[in-house]
Amino acid sequence: MNGSRIAGSALALALAGAGPAWPQSPEGSRERTIELAHQVTVAAAIDTLPKQLKGFYKDHRGEMPSLALEPEFPARGPERRFLVDRLLPFPFSDLPRSEAALQARYGEKAKGVGRLPWLVQETYDRLVDAMKAGDKQKILAESDVLGGLIVDLRSPLNLTDNYDGQKTGQHGLWVRIVEKLPQALGKNLKLSPDAANYLDDPKEYVFSIMLGSYVWLDNILYLEELAHRGKAGYGDPYFEDLARKLGPIVREQLLAKAAEDAGSYWYTAWTVAGRPELK
């Protein structure tokens, strides 16, 4: 697979192999990567919006951090995951709906599982406030962060104690699936999400996203193992096979739905804020 197959532009630089524990560099920060899944999802989310809101985001898309000429992404750490199956089995029907209740029930066991649902909720609240204030820069920044967090929530590996394949002999799985597979898909990563919807209960919707994402975990584990079967390493033949096997799931079931979700959160925040005129 040559460079044009991996990516069609500078946005798709080959990614460094920092695993899901997010090891720190000597300077104390994770090596910077281009998070292509974040970029394409945020860009596609703009097209899910109703006309009166879409114009604002289209006019200012280059001011969104992930879509800027020199893109920037939020710092990535273990808080941007939620290892829910460490606490209880799918379908997580008894999962507490607040972070305080989660900690009260599980105590020490809840430490280290991550904060992803609460990060989504907190970012949504900040977006509502920014919409009410008409703060263009903050609207764009919080919308972008929220889009990236929803991409995380739609990535099943961010929801399992087996996030790096360490329990199934698939070590290094997180970076191969979450970071490198989008690069391998290249032009086939084009998303076609459904239109954004108004969310009646945006905080509860976080948990609906989580369930819809987690159901794909076994498929991902199986298809990744199948793509590696008979191969000595993780070179071009592996990623070509992985893209064929997992590409439709990543594109249609995970990232397209993440774009719809992101647009729905933006649209809901704008509506809750009173549908201000944004320029």
Protein backbone atom coordinates (compact mmCIF):
# COMPACT_ATOMS: atom_id res chain seq x y z
CA MET A 1 0.00 0.00 0.00
CA ASN A 2 1.73 3.18 -1.15
CA GLY A 3 1.50 6.66 0.35
CA SER A 4 -1.46 7.64 -1.82
CA ARG A 5 -3.38 4.60 -0.61
CA ILE A 6 -2.71 5.47 3.01
CA ALA A 7 -3.79 9.06 2.53
CA GLY A 8 -4.54 11.55 -0.14
CA SER A 9 -3.09 14.61 1.55
CA ALA A 10 -0.88 15.95 4.30
CA LEU A 11 -3.81 15.40 6.66
CA ALA A 12 -3.02 11.69 6.56
CA LEU A 13 0.54 11.53 7.77
CA ALA A 14 1.70 8.13 8.92
CA LEU A 15 0.89 7.83 12.61
CA ALA A 16 3.30 7.07 15.42
CA GLY A 17 2.53 3.97 17.44
CA ALA A 18 1.62 5.37 20.85
CA GLY A 19 -0.66 2.85 22.50
CA PRO A 20 -3.84 3.41 24.51
CA ALA A 21 -2.00 3.88 27.78
CA TRP A 22 -0.76 7.09 26.11
CA PRO A 23 2.88 6.81 27.21
CA GLN A 24 4.54 10.13 27.81
CA SER A 25 7.50 11.50 25.90
CA PRO A 26 10.53 12.81 27.82
CA GLU A 27 8.98 16.27 27.55
CA GLY A 28 5.78 14.96 29.14
CA SER A 29 3.44 15.05 26.14
CA ARG A 30 2.19 12.43 23.73
CA GLU A 31 3.73 12.58 20.28
CA ARG A 32 1.47 14.70 18.08
CA THR A 33 -0.56 12.88 15.46
CA ILE A 34 -3.14 13.88 12.89
CA GLU A 35 -6.41 12.39 14.15
CA LEU A 36 -8.03 11.75 10.80
CA ALA A 37 -11.18 10.16 12.23
CA HIS A 38 -11.78 13.32 14.28
CA GLN A 39 -11.27 15.55 11.23
CA VAL A 40 -13.54 13.70 8.81
CA THR A 41 -16.25 13.29 11.44
CA VAL A 42 -16.34 16.99 12.34
CA ALA A 43 -16.37 17.94 8.65
CA ALA A 44 -19.23 15.51 7.95
CA ALA A 45 -21.16 16.68 11.02
CA ILE A 46 -21.47 20.16 9.49
CA ASP A 47 -23.44 18.70 6.60
CA THR A 48 -25.95 17.06 8.97
CA LEU A 49 -27.18 20.44 10.24
CA PRO A 50 -30.31 22.36 9.23
CA LYS A 51 -29.72 25.24 6.83
CA GLN A 52 -29.87 28.06 9.38
CA LEU A 53 -27.10 26.48 11.47
CA LYS A 54 -25.08 24.84 8.72
CA GLY A 55 -24.19 28.21 7.20
CA PHE A 56 -22.47 29.34 10.39
CA TYR A 57 -20.29 26.24 10.63
CA LYS A 58 -19.49 26.22 6.91
CA ASP A 59 -18.44 29.87 7.01
CA HIS A 60 -16.10 29.24 9.94
CA ARG A 61 -15.02 25.62 9.46
CA GLY A 62 -11.39 26.68 8.98
CA GLU A 63 -11.49 28.20 12.46
CA MET A 64 -12.36 24.88 14.07
CA PRO A 65 -9.14 23.51 15.59
CA SER A 66 -9.21 20.10 13.87
CA LEU A 67 -10.01 21.61 10.44
CA ALA A 68 -7.50 24.46 10.54
CA LEU A 69 -4.53 24.61 8.16
CA GLU A 70 -2.38 23.56 11.12
CA PRO A 71 -4.83 21.29 12.94
CA GLU A 72 -4.84 20.96 16.70
CA PHE A 73 -6.43 18.25 18.82
CA PRO A 74 -7.19 18.00 22.54
CA ALA A 75 -4.60 16.29 24.69
CA ARG A 76 -5.27 12.56 24.79
CA GLY A 77 -5.08 10.67 28.04
CA PRO A 78 -6.76 7.75 29.80
CA GLU A 79 -9.68 9.95 30.86
CA ARG A 80 -10.85 9.87 27.22
CA ARG A 81 -12.12 6.33 27.55
CA PHE A 82 -14.67 4.49 29.72
CA LEU A 83 -13.80 0.87 30.42
CA VAL A 84 -17.37 0.03 31.36
CA ASP A 85 -17.08 -3.76 31.06
CA ARG A 86 -14.57 -3.65 33.89
CA LEU A 87 -17.49 -2.68 36.11
CA LEU A 88 -20.46 -4.68 34.80
CA PRO A 89 -21.44 -6.76 31.76
CA PHE A 90 -23.24 -5.63 28.62
CA PRO A 91 -25.92 -4.19 28.31
CA PHE A 92 -24.85 -2.23 31.41
CA SER A 93 -28.49 -1.82 32.47
CA ASP A 94 -27.59 -0.96 36.07
CA LEU A 95 -24.92 1.60 35.21
CA PRO A 96 -25.13 4.73 37.39
CA ARG A 97 -25.91 7.87 35.42
CA SER A 98 -23.65 10.25 37.31
CA GLU A 99 -19.94 10.15 38.04
CA ALA A 100 -20.56 10.60 41.76
CA ALA A 101 -23.01 7.67 41.83
CA LEU A 102 -20.54 5.54 39.87
CA GLN A 103 -17.77 6.23 42.35
CA ALA A 104 -20.09 5.67 45.30
CA ARG A 105 -21.14 2.25 44.02
CA TYR A 106 -17.80 0.93 42.74
CA GLY A 107 -15.26 2.78 44.87
CA GLU A 108 -11.66 1.83 44.05
CA LYS A 109 -12.85 -0.34 41.16
CA ALA A 110 -14.05 2.78 39.34
CA LYS A 111 -10.64 4.40 39.43
CA GLY A 112 -8.87 4.32 36.11
CA VAL A 113 -11.94 3.46 34.00
CA GLY A 114 -11.95 6.94 32.47
CA ARG A 115 -14.33 9.89 32.23
CA LEU A 116 -15.55 9.78 28.62
CA PRO A 117 -19.34 10.03 29.24
CA TRP A 118 -18.87 12.89 31.67
CA LEU A 119 -16.47 14.68 29.32
CA VAL A 120 -19.15 14.60 26.62
CA GLN A 121 -21.75 15.96 29.03
CA GLU A 122 -19.48 18.71 30.36
CA THR A 123 -18.46 19.80 26.86
CA TYR A 124 -22.09 19.91 25.77
CA ASP A 125 -22.91 22.17 28.74
CA ARG A 126 -20.07 24.52 27.78
CA LEU A 127 -21.33 24.58 24.20
CA VAL A 128 -24.81 25.60 25.36
CA ASP A 129 -23.27 28.44 27.39
CA ALA A 130 -21.18 29.53 24.42
CA MET A 131 -24.26 29.52 22.18
CA LYS A 132 -26.18 31.66 24.68
CA ALA A 133 -23.29 34.11 24.85
CA GLY A 134 -22.82 34.19 21.08
CA ASP A 135 -19.11 33.53 21.63
CA LYS A 136 -18.05 32.43 18.13
CA GLN A 137 -14.57 31.25 19.06
CA LYS A 138 -15.81 29.20 22.00
CA ILE A 139 -18.72 27.74 19.98
CA LEU A 140 -16.32 26.49 17.33
CA ALA A 141 -13.79 25.20 19.85
CA GLU A 142 -16.31 23.36 22.05
CA SER A 143 -18.12 21.95 18.99
CA ASP A 144 -14.82 20.57 17.76
CA VAL A 145 -13.89 19.04 21.11
CA LEU A 146 -17.35 17.53 21.40
CA GLY A 147 -17.02 15.97 17.94
CA GLY A 148 -13.73 14.35 18.91
CA LEU A 149 -15.16 12.98 22.16
CA ILE A 150 -18.09 11.44 20.33
CA VAL A 151 -15.66 9.78 17.92
CA ASP A 152 -14.03 8.30 21.03
CA LEU A 153 -17.40 7.16 22.36
CA ARG A 154 -18.23 5.53 19.02
CA SER A 155 -14.93 3.60 19.13
CA PRO A 156 -15.66 0.33 20.98
CA LEU A 157 -12.05 -0.09 22.08
CA ASN A 158 -12.46 2.99 24.28
CA LEU A 159 -15.19 1.16 26.20
CA THR A 160 -13.52 -2.12 27.09
CA ASP A 161 -10.93 -3.36 29.54
CA ASN A 162 -9.42 -5.14 26.52
CA TYR A 163 -8.82 -1.75 24.85
CA ASP A 164 -5.38 -2.71 23.50
CA GLY A 165 -6.18 -6.33 22.71
CA GLN A 166 -4.00 -7.33 25.64
CA LYS A 167 -6.51 -9.95 26.79
CA THR A 168 -6.90 -11.58 23.38
CA GLY A 169 -3.29 -11.63 22.18
CA GLN A 170 -3.82 -8.60 19.93
CA HIS A 171 -1.38 -6.21 21.57
CA GLY A 172 -1.20 -2.77 19.98
CA LEU A 173 -4.79 -3.06 18.76
CA TRP A 174 -5.89 0.44 19.80
CA VAL A 175 -3.44 2.36 17.66
CA ARG A 176 -3.96 0.04 14.69
CA ILE A 177 -7.74 0.42 14.72
CA VAL A 178 -8.35 3.91 16.09
CA GLU A 179 -5.44 5.79 14.53
CA LYS A 180 -3.96 3.83 11.64
CA LEU A 181 -7.00 2.18 10.08
CA PRO A 182 -8.60 5.54 9.13
CA GLN A 183 -5.36 6.38 7.31
CA ALA A 184 -5.44 3.03 5.51
CA LEU A 185 -9.01 3.69 4.34
CA GLY A 186 -7.89 6.91 2.62
CA LYS A 187 -10.47 8.09 0.07
CA ASN A 188 -12.84 5.35 1.21
CA LEU A 189 -13.29 7.15 4.52
CA LYS A 190 -15.88 9.52 3.01
CA LEU A 191 -18.88 9.61 5.35
CA SER A 192 -22.60 9.88 4.56
CA PRO A 193 -24.32 10.49 7.91
CA ASP A 194 -28.03 10.98 8.42
CA ALA A 195 -29.39 14.41 9.33
CA ALA A 196 -28.92 15.75 12.84
CA ASN A 197 -31.79 15.35 15.29
CA TYR A 198 -32.93 17.28 18.32
CA LEU A 199 -31.99 15.27 21.43
CA ASP A 200 -34.72 15.24 24.09
CA ASP A 201 -32.25 14.19 26.77
CA PRO A 202 -28.69 14.91 25.60
CA LYS A 203 -27.10 13.67 28.81
CA GLU A 204 -28.89 10.32 28.69
CA TYR A 205 -28.10 10.01 24.98
CA VAL A 206 -24.43 9.52 25.90
CA PHE A 207 -25.33 6.07 27.20
CA SER A 208 -27.31 5.21 24.07
CA ILE A 209 -24.22 5.99 21.99
CA MET A 210 -22.16 3.79 24.26
CA LEU A 211 -24.47 0.80 23.80
CA GLY A 212 -24.62 1.28 20.04
CA SER A 213 -20.83 1.34 19.91
CA TYR A 214 -20.05 -1.55 22.25
CA VAL A 215 -22.09 -4.06 20.23
CA TRP A 216 -19.42 -3.90 17.52
CA LEU A 217 -16.57 -4.90 19.82
CA ASP A 218 -16.62 -8.64 19.11
CA ASN A 219 -16.79 -8.01 15.35
CA ILE A 220 -13.75 -5.75 15.54
CA LEU A 221 -11.74 -8.22 17.58
CA TYR A 222 -12.61 -11.11 15.25
CA LEU A 223 -12.07 -9.27 11.96
CA GLU A 224 -8.76 -7.79 13.13
CA GLU A 225 -7.52 -11.26 14.11
CA LEU A 226 -8.67 -12.54 10.73
CA ALA A 227 -6.80 -9.75 8.90
CA HIS A 228 -3.59 -10.66 10.76
CA ARG A 229 -3.96 -14.41 10.31
CA GLY A 230 -1.11 -15.85 8.26
CA LYS A 231 0.88 -12.59 8.25
CA ALA A 232 4.21 -12.13 9.98
CA GLY A 233 3.67 -8.52 11.00
CA TYR A 234 1.54 -5.43 10.57
CA GLY A 235 2.70 -4.11 7.22
CA ASP A 236 0.86 -3.08 4.07
CA PRO A 237 -0.80 -6.48 3.40
CA TYR A 238 -2.26 -6.46 6.90
CA PHE A 239 -3.69 -2.92 6.60
CA GLU A 240 -5.07 -3.63 3.12
CA ASP A 241 -6.88 -6.68 4.47
CA LEU A 242 -7.97 -4.81 7.61
CA ALA A 243 -9.40 -1.98 5.51
CA ARG A 244 -11.42 -4.45 3.43
CA LYS A 245 -12.76 -6.32 6.42
CA LEU A 246 -13.32 -3.52 8.91
CA GLY A 247 -13.68 -0.50 6.64
CA PRO A 248 -17.48 -0.71 6.22
CA ILE A 249 -18.01 -1.01 9.98
CA VAL A 250 -15.71 1.89 10.79
CA ARG A 251 -17.14 4.10 8.05
CA GLU A 252 -20.86 3.34 8.29
CA GLN A 253 -21.52 2.04 11.80
CA LEU A 254 -19.04 4.08 13.83
CA LEU A 255 -17.85 7.31 12.19
CA ALA A 256 -20.95 8.15 10.13
CA LYS A 257 -23.03 7.71 13.26
CA ALA A 258 -20.51 9.82 15.22
CA ALA A 259 -20.98 12.62 12.67
CA GLU A 260 -24.76 12.40 13.05
CA ASP A 261 -24.38 12.41 16.84
CA ALA A 262 -22.04 15.41 16.81
CA GLY A 263 -24.40 17.37 14.57
CA SER A 264 -27.30 16.42 16.84
CA TYR A 265 -25.47 17.72 19.91
CA TRP A 266 -24.59 20.98 18.14
CA TYR A 267 -28.17 21.41 16.91
CA THR A 268 -29.59 20.61 20.36
CA ALA A 269 -27.24 23.05 22.09
CA TRP A 270 -28.25 25.79 19.65
CA THR A 271 -31.95 25.05 20.18
CA VAL A 272 -31.63 24.95 23.98
CA ALA A 273 -29.78 28.27 23.82
CA GLY A 274 -32.78 29.84 22.09
CA ARG A 275 -31.64 29.53 18.47
CA PRO A 276 -29.47 32.63 18.51
CA GLU A 277 -28.44 34.22 15.22
CA LEU A 278 -24.83 33.20 14.72
CA LYS A 279 -22.48 35.02 12.38
